[in-house]
Amino acid sequence: MAQTAKTKPNGPVAAGILAAGIGVFAMGLLTTAAAVSAGIAGALNWYGPVGPLSGKSIGAVIVWLVAWVVLGSGWRGKEVPFSPVYRWTLVLVALGVLLTFPPFFDLFA
């Protein structure tokens, strides 16, 4: 008698991976925005001793969590093509890392 392997849908895992890429991109975007605009840097200063880093990091975590909840809810119980999710995650992480480098965001200052 042959056994059939039951697989679980990959939607929740894909949601977590893509949400991580979105969170990294959000961190890069907030970092660049704070470097370019003193007003944005001031708005991101949520805790004085830390400065704008507090708003950048907390904001990126909020974006990551919201993305994870939204994608996870939408992809719960579904099989998602993983290759595009992986590619988009890599692109978002690369852009997010690029946006955190001073030589890059200094181009906009």
C-alpha atoms as a PDB file:
ATOM      1  CA  MET A   1       0.000   0.000   0.000  1.00  0.00           C
ATOM      2  CA  ALA A   2       1.498   3.329  -1.083  1.00  0.00           C
ATOM      3  CA  GLN A   3       1.485   6.247   1.274  1.00  0.00           C
ATOM      4  CA  THR A   4       0.761   9.731   0.058  1.00  0.00           C
ATOM      5  CA  ALA A   5       2.707  12.517   1.672  1.00  0.00           C
ATOM      6  CA  LYS A   6       0.615  15.350   2.959  1.00  0.00           C
ATOM      7  CA  THR A   7       2.258  18.710   2.646  1.00  0.00           C
ATOM      8  CA  LYS A   8       1.279  21.829   4.473  1.00  0.00           C
ATOM      9  CA  PRO A   9       0.584  24.975   2.481  1.00  0.00           C
ATOM     10  CA  ASN A  10       3.602  27.297   2.288  1.00  0.00           C
ATOM     11  CA  GLY A  11       1.607  30.544   2.458  1.00  0.00           C
ATOM     12  CA  PRO A  12       2.386  31.388   6.096  1.00  0.00           C
ATOM     13  CA  VAL A  13       6.109  30.712   5.592  1.00  0.00           C
ATOM     14  CA  ALA A  14       6.198  32.766   2.387  1.00  0.00           C
ATOM     15  CA  ALA A  15       4.380  35.573   4.209  1.00  0.00           C
ATOM     16  CA  GLY A  16       6.994  35.610   6.960  1.00  0.00           C
ATOM     17  CA  ILE A  17       9.876  35.691   4.501  1.00  0.00           C
ATOM     18  CA  LEU A  18       8.417  38.450   2.310  1.00  0.00           C
ATOM     19  CA  ALA A  19       7.425  40.464   5.395  1.00  0.00           C
ATOM     20  CA  ALA A  20      11.058  40.369   6.517  1.00  0.00           C
ATOM     21  CA  GLY A  21      12.114  41.857   3.179  1.00  0.00           C
ATOM     22  CA  ILE A  22       9.451  44.538   3.507  1.00  0.00           C
ATOM     23  CA  GLY A  23      10.675  45.353   7.022  1.00  0.00           C
ATOM     24  CA  VAL A  24      14.295  45.697   5.869  1.00  0.00           C
ATOM     25  CA  PHE A  25      13.190  47.956   3.018  1.00  0.00           C
ATOM     26  CA  ALA A  26      11.156  50.070   5.470  1.00  0.00           C
ATOM     27  CA  MET A  27      14.236  50.481   7.675  1.00  0.00           C
ATOM     28  CA  GLY A  28      16.278  51.654   4.692  1.00  0.00           C
ATOM     29  CA  LEU A  29      13.548  53.997   3.538  1.00  0.00           C
ATOM     30  CA  LEU A  30      13.149  55.548   6.986  1.00  0.00           C
ATOM     31  CA  THR A  31      16.923  55.897   7.331  1.00  0.00           C
ATOM     32  CA  THR A  32      17.224  57.709   4.019  1.00  0.00           C
ATOM     33  CA  ALA A  33      14.179  59.873   4.730  1.00  0.00           C
ATOM     34  CA  ALA A  34      15.597  60.921   8.106  1.00  0.00           C
ATOM     35  CA  ALA A  35      18.949  61.775   6.521  1.00  0.00           C
ATOM     36  CA  VAL A  36      17.334  63.861   3.796  1.00  0.00           C
ATOM     37  CA  SER A  37      14.773  65.752   5.874  1.00  0.00           C
ATOM     38  CA  ALA A  38      15.313  67.328   9.278  1.00  0.00           C
ATOM     39  CA  GLY A  39      11.539  67.348   9.735  1.00  0.00           C
ATOM     40  CA  ILE A  40      11.284  63.605   9.239  1.00  0.00           C
ATOM     41  CA  ALA A  41      14.299  63.051  11.503  1.00  0.00           C
ATOM     42  CA  GLY A  42      12.553  65.108  14.177  1.00  0.00           C
ATOM     43  CA  ALA A  43       9.327  63.167  13.736  1.00  0.00           C
ATOM     44  CA  LEU A  44      11.251  59.906  14.136  1.00  0.00           C
ATOM     45  CA  ASN A  45      12.845  61.039  17.402  1.00  0.00           C
ATOM     46  CA  TRP A  46      10.541  58.998  19.649  1.00  0.00           C
ATOM     47  CA  TYR A  47      13.026  58.644  22.499  1.00  0.00           C
ATOM     48  CA  GLY A  48      15.430  61.524  23.101  1.00  0.00           C
ATOM     49  CA  PRO A  49      18.613  59.700  24.142  1.00  0.00           C
ATOM     50  CA  VAL A  50      18.488  57.482  21.048  1.00  0.00           C
ATOM     51  CA  GLY A  51      17.386  60.125  18.562  1.00  0.00           C
ATOM     52  CA  PRO A  52      15.792  59.295  15.204  1.00  0.00           C
ATOM     53  CA  LEU A  53      17.070  55.716  15.405  1.00  0.00           C
ATOM     54  CA  SER A  54      14.227  54.989  17.828  1.00  0.00           C
ATOM     55  CA  GLY A  55      11.576  55.921  15.273  1.00  0.00           C
ATOM     56  CA  LYS A  56      13.401  54.236  12.405  1.00  0.00           C
ATOM     57  CA  SER A  57      13.737  50.908  14.169  1.00  0.00           C
ATOM     58  CA  ILE A  58      10.308  50.896  15.804  1.00  0.00           C
ATOM     59  CA  GLY A  59       8.703  52.055  12.546  1.00  0.00           C
ATOM     60  CA  ALA A  60      10.421  49.280  10.604  1.00  0.00           C
ATOM     61  CA  VAL A  61       9.272  46.692  13.139  1.00  0.00           C
ATOM     62  CA  ILE A  62       5.702  47.988  12.894  1.00  0.00           C
ATOM     63  CA  VAL A  63       5.821  47.777   9.081  1.00  0.00           C
ATOM     64  CA  TRP A  64       7.242  44.248   9.321  1.00  0.00           C
ATOM     65  CA  LEU A  65       4.533  43.096  11.729  1.00  0.00           C
ATOM     66  CA  VAL A  66       1.713  44.653   9.703  1.00  0.00           C
ATOM     67  CA  ALA A  67       3.074  43.106   6.493  1.00  0.00           C
ATOM     68  CA  TRP A  68       3.361  39.720   8.181  1.00  0.00           C
ATOM     69  CA  VAL A  69      -0.183  39.852   9.552  1.00  0.00           C
ATOM     70  CA  VAL A  70      -1.694  41.034   6.249  1.00  0.00           C
ATOM     71  CA  LEU A  71       0.224  38.584   4.062  1.00  0.00           C
ATOM     72  CA  GLY A  72      -0.192  35.755   6.564  1.00  0.00           C
ATOM     73  CA  SER A  73      -3.940  36.285   6.711  1.00  0.00           C
ATOM     74  CA  GLY A  74      -4.218  36.446   2.954  1.00  0.00           C
ATOM     75  CA  TRP A  75      -2.026  33.405   2.330  1.00  0.00           C
ATOM     76  CA  ARG A  76      -3.238  31.215   5.205  1.00  0.00           C
ATOM     77  CA  GLY A  77      -3.961  27.729   3.919  1.00  0.00           C
ATOM     78  CA  LYS A  78      -2.674  28.538   0.430  1.00  0.00           C
ATOM     79  CA  GLU A  79       0.170  27.257  -1.661  1.00  0.00           C
ATOM     80  CA  VAL A  80       2.104  30.283  -2.901  1.00  0.00           C
ATOM     81  CA  PRO A  81       4.657  30.171  -5.739  1.00  0.00           C
ATOM     82  CA  PHE A  82       7.819  30.540  -3.691  1.00  0.00           C
ATOM     83  CA  SER A  83      10.239  31.649  -6.406  1.00  0.00           C
ATOM     84  CA  PRO A  84       8.726  35.155  -6.873  1.00  0.00           C
ATOM     85  CA  VAL A  85       8.448  35.596  -3.106  1.00  0.00           C
ATOM     86  CA  TYR A  86      12.125  34.700  -2.724  1.00  0.00           C
ATOM     87  CA  ARG A  87      13.190  37.029  -5.539  1.00  0.00           C
ATOM     88  CA  TRP A  88      11.157  39.965  -4.214  1.00  0.00           C
ATOM     89  CA  THR A  89      12.532  39.383  -0.732  1.00  0.00           C
ATOM     90  CA  LEU A  90      16.096  39.495  -2.050  1.00  0.00           C
ATOM     91  CA  VAL A  91      15.373  42.698  -4.002  1.00  0.00           C
ATOM     92  CA  LEU A  92      13.758  44.370  -0.976  1.00  0.00           C
ATOM     93  CA  VAL A  93      16.613  43.352   1.338  1.00  0.00           C
ATOM     94  CA  ALA A  94      19.222  44.603  -1.160  1.00  0.00           C
ATOM     95  CA  LEU A  95      17.400  47.938  -1.540  1.00  0.00           C
ATOM     96  CA  GLY A  96      16.923  48.250   2.203  1.00  0.00           C
ATOM     97  CA  VAL A  97      20.609  47.661   2.884  1.00  0.00           C
ATOM     98  CA  LEU A  98      21.595  50.110   0.140  1.00  0.00           C
ATOM     99  CA  LEU A  99      19.321  52.783   1.611  1.00  0.00           C
ATOM    100  CA  THR A 100      21.060  52.547   4.990  1.00  0.00           C
ATOM    101  CA  PHE A 101      24.544  53.440   3.670  1.00  0.00           C
ATOM    102  CA  PRO A 102      25.606  57.066   4.165  1.00  0.00           C
ATOM    103  CA  PRO A 103      27.320  57.357   0.760  1.00  0.00           C
ATOM    104  CA  PHE A 104      23.955  56.518  -0.818  1.00  0.00           C
ATOM    105  CA  PHE A 105      21.594  58.671   1.223  1.00  0.00           C
ATOM    106  CA  ASP A 106      24.082  61.547   1.187  1.00  0.00           C
ATOM    107  CA  LEU A 107      23.382  61.790  -2.541  1.00  0.00           C
ATOM    108  CA  PHE A 108      19.908  63.081  -1.632  1.00  0.00           C
ATOM    109  CA  ALA A 109      20.916  65.397   1.211  1.00  0.00           C
END
